[in-house]
Protein backbone atom coordinates (compact mmCIF):
# COMPACT_ATOMS: atom_id res chain seq x y z
CA MET A 1 4.97 -3.55 155.70
CA SER A 2 3.52 -5.92 152.63
CA LYS A 3 1.12 -5.21 150.15
CA LEU A 4 -1.76 -6.98 152.02
CA THR A 5 -1.09 -4.90 155.48
CA GLN A 6 -0.79 -1.71 154.41
CA LYS A 7 -2.85 0.91 156.25
CA PRO A 8 -5.97 1.93 154.36
CA GLU A 9 -4.37 5.89 154.21
CA SER A 10 -1.51 4.79 152.51
CA ALA A 11 -3.47 2.60 150.04
CA ASN A 12 -5.70 5.34 149.13
CA ALA A 13 -2.52 7.71 148.76
CA ILE A 14 -1.01 5.13 146.18
CA ALA A 15 -4.62 4.62 144.59
CA ARG A 16 -4.88 8.74 144.08
CA GLN A 17 -1.42 9.16 142.89
CA ALA A 18 -1.88 6.68 140.08
CA LEU A 19 -5.41 8.56 139.39
CA ASP A 20 -3.85 11.65 139.35
CA LYS A 21 -0.83 10.06 136.83
CA ILE A 22 -3.78 8.95 134.85
CA LYS A 23 -5.37 12.08 134.98
CA GLU A 24 -1.66 13.78 133.35
CA ILE A 25 -1.71 11.56 130.66
CA ASP A 26 -5.20 12.05 129.80
CA ARG A 27 -4.37 15.96 129.83
CA GLN A 28 -0.98 15.13 127.66
CA ALA A 29 -2.97 13.14 125.16
CA GLN A 30 -6.22 15.76 124.97
CA ALA A 31 -3.04 18.52 124.48
CA GLU A 32 -1.44 16.49 121.27
CA LYS A 33 -4.98 15.67 119.72
CA ASP A 34 -5.48 19.34 119.88
CA LYS A 35 -2.62 20.25 118.40
CA GLN A 36 -2.83 17.91 115.66
CA LEU A 37 -6.73 19.05 115.24
CA GLU A 38 -5.15 22.77 114.82
CA SER A 39 -2.74 21.38 112.37
CA LEU A 40 -5.31 19.64 110.08
CA HIS A 41 -7.88 22.74 110.44
CA GLN A 42 -4.54 25.02 109.32
CA ALA A 43 -3.75 22.52 106.37
CA ARG A 44 -7.65 22.32 105.09
CA GLU A 45 -7.68 26.33 105.14
CA ALA A 46 -4.56 26.57 103.01
CA ILE A 47 -5.79 23.67 100.33
CA THR A 48 -9.17 25.78 100.54
CA THR A 49 -7.51 29.09 99.69
CA ARG A 50 -5.45 27.16 97.38
CA ILE A 51 -8.25 25.59 95.67
CA ALA A 52 -9.63 29.30 95.14
CA GLU A 53 -6.75 31.00 93.66
CA LEU A 54 -6.31 27.96 90.60
CA GLU A 55 -10.05 28.40 90.32
CA HIS A 56 -9.30 32.02 89.44
CA GLN A 57 -6.25 30.88 87.71
CA GLN A 58 -8.47 28.61 85.63
CA SER A 59 -11.35 31.53 84.88
CA GLU A 60 -8.59 33.89 83.62
CA ILE A 61 -7.13 31.25 81.22
CA ASP A 62 -10.92 30.86 80.06
CA VAL A 63 -11.00 34.36 79.35
CA ALA A 64 -7.96 34.13 77.52
CA ILE A 65 -9.25 31.20 75.34
CA ALA A 66 -12.50 33.00 74.53
CA SER A 67 -10.39 36.35 73.37
CA ILE A 68 -8.38 34.32 71.10
CA THR A 69 -11.17 31.77 69.27
CA GLY A 70 -13.83 33.83 69.71
CA LYS A 71 -15.57 31.10 71.80
CA SER A 72 -16.51 31.05 75.23
CA PRO A 73 -15.24 28.17 77.00
CA GLU A 74 -16.96 24.93 77.31
CA LYS A 75 -17.78 24.55 80.53
CA THR A 76 -16.94 21.04 82.16
CA LYS A 77 -20.09 18.96 83.47
CA GLU A 78 -20.31 19.08 86.92
CA ARG A 79 -19.58 15.54 88.35
CA ARG A 80 -21.98 13.89 90.55
CA LYS A 81 -20.87 13.55 94.29
CA ARG A 82 -20.55 10.38 95.23
CA THR A 83 -21.78 9.31 98.78
CA ASP A 84 -21.02 6.18 100.57
CA MET A 85 -24.16 4.03 100.58
CA THR A 86 -22.98 1.15 102.53
CA GLU A 87 -24.91 2.43 105.82
CA ALA A 88 -28.26 2.89 104.01
CA ARG A 89 -27.30 -0.95 102.31
CA GLN A 90 -26.84 -2.15 105.53
CA ARG A 91 -30.07 -0.73 106.79
CA VAL A 92 -32.48 -1.95 103.66
CA VAL A 93 -30.90 -5.57 104.12
CA ARG A 94 -31.82 -5.54 107.93
CA TRP A 95 -35.18 -3.95 107.44
CA MET A 96 -35.68 -6.92 104.59
CA GLN A 97 -34.28 -9.59 106.65
CA SER A 98 -36.98 -8.89 109.41
CA HIS A 99 -39.73 -9.07 106.91
CA LYS A 100 -38.66 -12.26 105.61
CA GLY A 101 -40.87 -14.35 103.28
CA THR A 102 -42.02 -11.02 101.88
CA ARG A 103 -40.55 -9.48 98.42
CA TYR A 104 -40.24 -6.12 97.38
CA SER A 105 -39.89 -4.05 94.03
CA ALA A 106 -37.78 -1.27 93.32
CA ALA A 107 -40.42 1.13 93.65
CA GLN A 108 -41.84 -0.50 96.99
CA LEU A 109 -38.18 -0.04 98.40
CA LEU A 110 -37.94 3.24 96.89
CA ALA A 111 -41.39 4.34 98.27
CA GLU A 112 -40.08 2.76 101.95
CA PHE A 113 -37.03 4.38 101.84
CA PRO A 114 -37.51 8.19 100.65
CA GLU A 115 -33.44 8.92 101.10
CA LEU A 116 -32.83 6.84 98.35
CA ALA A 117 -35.45 8.29 95.72
CA GLU A 118 -33.85 11.36 96.82
CA ALA A 119 -30.11 10.23 96.16
CA ASP A 120 -31.47 8.69 92.58
CA VAL A 121 -30.48 5.62 93.33
CA LYS A 122 -30.79 2.56 91.09
CA ILE A 123 -31.92 -0.23 93.22
CA SER A 124 -30.37 -3.08 91.08
CA MET A 125 -26.98 -1.57 91.61
CA PHE A 126 -27.79 -0.72 95.16
CA LEU A 127 -28.85 -4.37 96.07
CA LYS A 128 -26.21 -5.79 93.75
CA ALA A 129 -23.49 -6.32 96.95
CA ALA A 130 -25.71 -7.73 99.07
CA VAL A 131 -27.41 -10.42 96.46
CA GLU A 132 -24.05 -11.40 95.65
CA ALA A 133 -22.80 -11.84 99.23
CA GLY A 134 -26.27 -14.21 99.78
CA GLU A 135 -28.11 -11.90 102.08
CA LEU A 136 -31.05 -10.86 99.55
CA ASP A 137 -32.08 -12.80 96.39
CA LYS A 138 -33.97 -11.74 93.45
CA GLN A 139 -36.68 -13.11 90.96
CA GLY A 140 -38.33 -11.88 88.14
CA ASP A 141 -36.98 -10.27 84.81
CA ARG A 142 -35.42 -6.91 84.12
CA VAL A 143 -39.12 -5.00 84.21
CA ASN A 144 -40.59 -7.30 87.11
CA MET A 145 -37.53 -7.76 89.09
CA THR A 146 -38.78 -8.25 93.31
CA TYR A 147 -35.92 -8.53 96.09
CA GLY A 148 -36.60 -10.74 99.48
CA ALA A 149 -34.07 -11.63 102.22
CA VAL A 150 -32.93 -15.19 101.71
């Protein structure tokens, strides 16, 4: 019997077999993903535990140094957490492009996007990539800089 003249029941059976096979492949893939995820969680936990151990050792070394020198060890300055501002920058550029012809100062942009102010973002550095890419332009001097969409 050719494929064109197959009975509907046999065509349905073939389709059902194909769907069952696809479901089995999906189950196997999900099981593999679950194993990988569990492995990653275990690795993360091991690293976290090791970091705690190292911090404890560091504090013990600091105490030993303090007992020898008579001075408390200098605390290392906490580094500011770096955040990827690419998404926020794209959002600001899209917003500014929707307001073509209007120029905005850094203060106006910080007022419009409070999350930038909370992250203590310097607008000139924040928009530098967009200006260099030609998406925005800037006018004015260092004190009176305004930005607008190209």
